[in-house]
C-alpha cells in the first residue's frame, strides 16, 4: 500500500469515528459542510476530502508532530528520518520519496490541474484554520496567512479568495467570528508594497 492509500484509509477511519481529537470543533465544521449526510453544501467531494486530510494530519498524526518538533524540528528532521530510518520508511511506504531525495533533480510534480478548485481549497484551509484559532486561542492554529501568487493571471484567481462564500464552509457562529476578523489585502499592479 502507498502512503496516499494508507492516508485515505486513516482519514476514513477518523471520519467514521466522529473526527475524534482534542479539538472537537473540527467535527462541527465538517458536519456543517453537508446539507444532509449525502450532499455537500458548497465544496466539491475532492476539495472536502483534501480538507479532511489536511486536518487529519494537523490534529491526529502524532508521529509527524513528534518529528517536526524533535531534534530541532522542521523539514530537515523529517528528511533525515526518511533518508536514514528504514523502519519509518517501510511503515509509511515512503520508498519513492526516499529515492527522490537522493536525486539531483525533482522526480515528482505535485500540482493540481487548472479548474480543480485550488483557490477554494486554499480559502477553506485558511477559513478553518482561523476559525479554529478563534475557538482555541491557545491552540496551534494559524492566525495570519500570506498567500503569494506570481503573475497577473494567478493574482486574479487569488482575488477570488474574497468571493468565496465562507458562510457555506463555516457554521454560523464560527463564520461570524471569522468574517469579523478577516482582512484581505492585494497589491495593485506594479506596486511592490502592501
Protein backbone atom coordinates (compact mmCIF):
# COMPACT_ATOMS: atom_id res chain seq x y z
CA UNK A 1 0.00 0.00 0.00
CA UNK A 2 1.24 3.51 -0.81
CA UNK A 3 1.26 6.43 1.61
CA UNK A 4 -1.74 8.09 -0.03
CA UNK A 5 -3.73 4.81 0.17
CA UNK A 6 -2.88 4.42 3.86
CA UNK A 7 -3.77 8.06 4.46
CA UNK A 8 -7.13 7.67 2.72
CA UNK A 9 -7.95 4.67 4.96
CA UNK A 10 -6.86 6.52 8.11
CA UNK A 11 -8.93 9.61 7.21
CA UNK A 12 -11.98 7.40 6.58
CA UNK A 13 -11.49 5.72 9.99
CA UNK A 14 -11.19 9.17 11.59
CA UNK A 15 -14.42 10.27 9.86
CA UNK A 16 -16.22 7.05 10.86
CA UNK A 17 -15.14 7.63 14.48
CA UNK A 18 -16.61 11.15 14.52
CA UNK A 19 -13.35 13.04 13.93
CA UNK A 20 -12.15 12.29 17.45
CA UNK A 21 -9.36 14.61 18.56
CA UNK A 22 -8.64 17.16 21.26
CA UNK A 23 -10.34 19.91 19.18
CA UNK A 24 -13.97 18.78 18.68
CA UNK A 25 -14.99 21.92 16.77
CA UNK A 26 -13.49 20.36 13.66
CA UNK A 27 -16.36 17.84 13.73
CA UNK A 28 -18.84 20.72 13.88
CA UNK A 29 -17.19 22.33 10.85
CA UNK A 30 -17.13 19.10 8.84
CA UNK A 31 -20.73 18.19 9.67
CA UNK A 32 -21.88 21.69 8.69
CA UNK A 33 -20.43 21.14 5.22
CA UNK A 34 -23.27 18.72 4.43
CA UNK A 35 -26.89 19.66 3.80
CA UNK A 36 -27.60 16.09 4.82
CA UNK A 37 -25.36 13.03 5.01
CA UNK A 38 -25.22 12.79 1.23
CA UNK A 39 -24.93 16.28 -0.29
CA UNK A 40 -22.11 18.76 0.27
CA UNK A 41 -23.22 22.33 0.94
CA UNK A 42 -20.53 24.03 -1.19
CA UNK A 43 -17.21 22.21 -1.53
CA UNK A 44 -16.73 19.53 -4.12
CA UNK A 45 -16.06 16.00 -2.88
CA UNK A 46 -12.34 16.14 -3.73
CA UNK A 47 -11.96 19.52 -2.01
CA UNK A 48 -13.75 18.29 1.11
CA UNK A 49 -11.61 15.13 1.21
CA UNK A 50 -8.46 17.24 0.83
CA UNK A 51 -9.63 19.47 3.69
CA UNK A 52 -10.34 16.41 5.84
CA UNK A 53 -6.88 15.01 5.06
CA UNK A 54 -5.25 18.31 5.89
CA UNK A 55 -6.96 18.38 9.29
CA UNK A 56 -6.33 14.69 9.95
CA UNK A 57 -2.62 15.31 9.53
CA UNK A 58 -2.76 18.52 11.58
CA UNK A 59 -4.71 17.09 14.50
CA UNK A 60 -4.02 13.39 14.79
CA UNK A 61 -0.75 12.34 13.17
CA UNK A 62 1.41 12.09 16.28
CA UNK A 63 4.48 10.58 14.54
CA UNK A 64 4.67 13.57 12.21
CA UNK A 65 4.20 16.03 15.08
CA UNK A 66 6.96 14.33 17.08
CA UNK A 67 9.29 14.51 14.09
CA UNK A 68 8.54 18.15 13.43
CA UNK A 69 9.44 19.14 16.97
CA UNK A 70 12.25 16.70 17.82
CA UNK A 71 15.98 17.40 17.47
CA UNK A 72 15.41 20.99 16.42
CA UNK A 73 12.36 20.02 14.36
CA UNK A 74 11.38 21.10 10.90
CA UNK A 75 11.57 19.51 7.49
CA UNK A 76 15.28 18.73 7.86
CA UNK A 77 14.44 16.36 10.73
CA UNK A 78 11.81 14.61 8.62
CA UNK A 79 14.11 14.36 5.58
CA UNK A 80 16.87 12.93 7.76
CA UNK A 81 14.45 10.36 9.18
CA UNK A 82 13.34 9.38 5.66
CA UNK A 83 16.94 9.07 4.47
CA UNK A 84 18.23 7.09 7.47
CA UNK A 85 15.37 5.20 9.18
CA UNK A 86 14.42 2.08 7.19
CA UNK A 87 11.62 1.11 9.60
CA UNK A 88 9.99 4.54 9.34
CA UNK A 89 10.21 4.45 5.53
CA UNK A 90 8.73 0.97 5.44
CA UNK A 91 5.95 1.80 7.94
CA UNK A 92 4.76 4.81 5.89
CA UNK A 93 5.65 3.43 2.44
CA UNK A 94 7.98 6.32 1.67
CA UNK A 95 10.35 4.41 -0.62
CA UNK A 96 9.55 6.62 -3.63
CA UNK A 97 10.05 9.77 -1.61
CA UNK A 98 13.33 8.44 -0.23
CA UNK A 99 14.53 7.70 -3.72
CA UNK A 100 13.63 11.19 -4.90
CA UNK A 101 15.56 12.81 -2.01
CA UNK A 102 18.81 11.41 -3.41
CA UNK A 103 18.28 12.69 -6.96
CA UNK A 104 19.85 15.89 -8.27
CA UNK A 105 16.52 16.89 -9.79
CA UNK A 106 12.87 16.71 -8.70
CA UNK A 107 11.27 13.42 -9.66
CA UNK A 108 7.65 14.28 -8.90
CA UNK A 109 5.43 17.19 -9.74
CA UNK A 110 2.84 17.77 -7.06
CA UNK A 111 0.22 20.04 -8.53
CA UNK A 112 -3.47 20.15 -9.27
CA UNK A 113 -4.83 20.72 -12.73
CA UNK A 114 -6.38 24.03 -13.73
CA UNK A 115 -10.00 24.12 -12.62
CA UNK A 116 -9.50 21.59 -9.81
CA UNK A 117 -10.53 24.11 -7.16
CA UNK A 118 -7.18 25.03 -5.61
CA UNK A 119 -8.26 28.58 -4.75
CA UNK A 120 -11.37 27.40 -2.92
CA UNK A 121 -9.32 24.74 -1.12
CA UNK A 122 -6.77 27.35 -0.03
CA UNK A 123 -9.61 29.59 1.16
CA UNK A 124 -11.22 26.66 3.03
CA UNK A 125 -7.96 25.82 4.78
CA UNK A 126 -7.43 29.46 5.76
CA UNK A 127 -11.03 29.84 6.98
CA UNK A 128 -10.99 26.66 9.05
CA UNK A 129 -7.55 27.47 10.49
CA UNK A 130 -8.73 30.94 11.52
CA UNK A 131 -11.97 29.57 12.95
CA UNK A 132 -10.03 27.02 14.98
CA UNK A 133 -7.64 29.78 16.17
CA UNK A 134 -10.60 31.92 17.28
CA UNK A 135 -12.23 28.96 19.05
CA UNK A 136 -9.00 27.72 20.65
CA UNK A 137 -6.91 30.85 21.21
CA UNK A 138 -4.10 28.87 22.86
CA UNK A 139 -4.16 26.14 20.21
CA UNK A 140 -1.63 25.53 17.46
CA UNK A 141 -3.67 27.23 14.74
CA UNK A 142 -2.90 29.81 12.08
CA UNK A 143 -3.76 33.37 12.98
CA UNK A 144 -2.37 35.05 9.85
CA UNK A 145 -1.96 33.94 6.25
CA UNK A 146 0.17 35.31 3.48
CA UNK A 147 -0.54 33.95 0.01
CA UNK A 148 1.94 34.65 -2.78
CA UNK A 149 0.94 34.45 -6.43
CA UNK A 150 3.27 35.02 -9.36
CA UNK A 151 1.87 36.73 -12.42
CA UNK A 152 -1.30 38.65 -13.11
CA UNK A 153 -3.40 35.62 -14.07
CA UNK A 154 -2.81 33.84 -10.77
CA UNK A 155 -3.20 37.06 -8.80
CA UNK A 156 -6.63 37.45 -10.39
CA UNK A 157 -7.54 33.93 -9.34
CA UNK A 158 -6.39 34.61 -5.79
CA UNK A 159 -8.67 37.66 -5.65
CA UNK A 160 -11.39 35.02 -5.71
CA UNK A 161 -10.44 34.32 -2.09
CA UNK A 162 -12.54 37.31 -1.08
CA UNK A 163 -15.53 35.99 -3.07
CA UNK A 164 -15.64 32.51 -1.51
CA UNK A 165 -18.94 32.01 0.35
CA UNK A 166 -17.29 31.21 3.67
CA UNK A 167 -20.74 31.05 5.28
CA UNK A 168 -21.17 27.75 3.40
CA UNK A 169 -17.95 26.33 4.85
CA UNK A 170 -18.15 27.51 8.47
CA UNK A 171 -21.12 27.10 10.82
CA UNK A 172 -22.86 30.45 11.54
CA UNK A 173 -21.28 31.06 14.95
CA UNK A 174 -17.76 30.40 13.61
CA UNK A 175 -18.42 32.26 10.36
CA UNK A 176 -19.42 35.43 12.25
CA UNK A 177 -16.20 35.42 14.28
CA UNK A 178 -14.14 34.64 11.18
CA UNK A 179 -15.68 37.26 8.88
CA UNK A 180 -15.47 39.95 11.60
CA UNK A 181 -11.70 39.33 11.79
CA UNK A 182 -10.95 38.79 8.10
CA UNK A 183 -8.87 41.34 6.21
CA UNK A 184 -7.68 40.62 2.68
CA UNK A 185 -5.16 42.92 1.00
CA UNK A 186 -3.81 42.72 -2.54
CA UNK A 187 -1.04 44.65 -4.18
CA UNK A 188 -2.05 46.80 -7.13
CA UNK A 189 -0.46 46.26 -10.50
CA UNK A 190 3.16 47.43 -10.32
CA UNK A 191 3.17 48.08 -6.57
CA UNK A 192 5.87 46.43 -4.52
CA UNK A 193 4.45 47.14 -1.05
CA UNK A 194 1.21 46.11 0.56
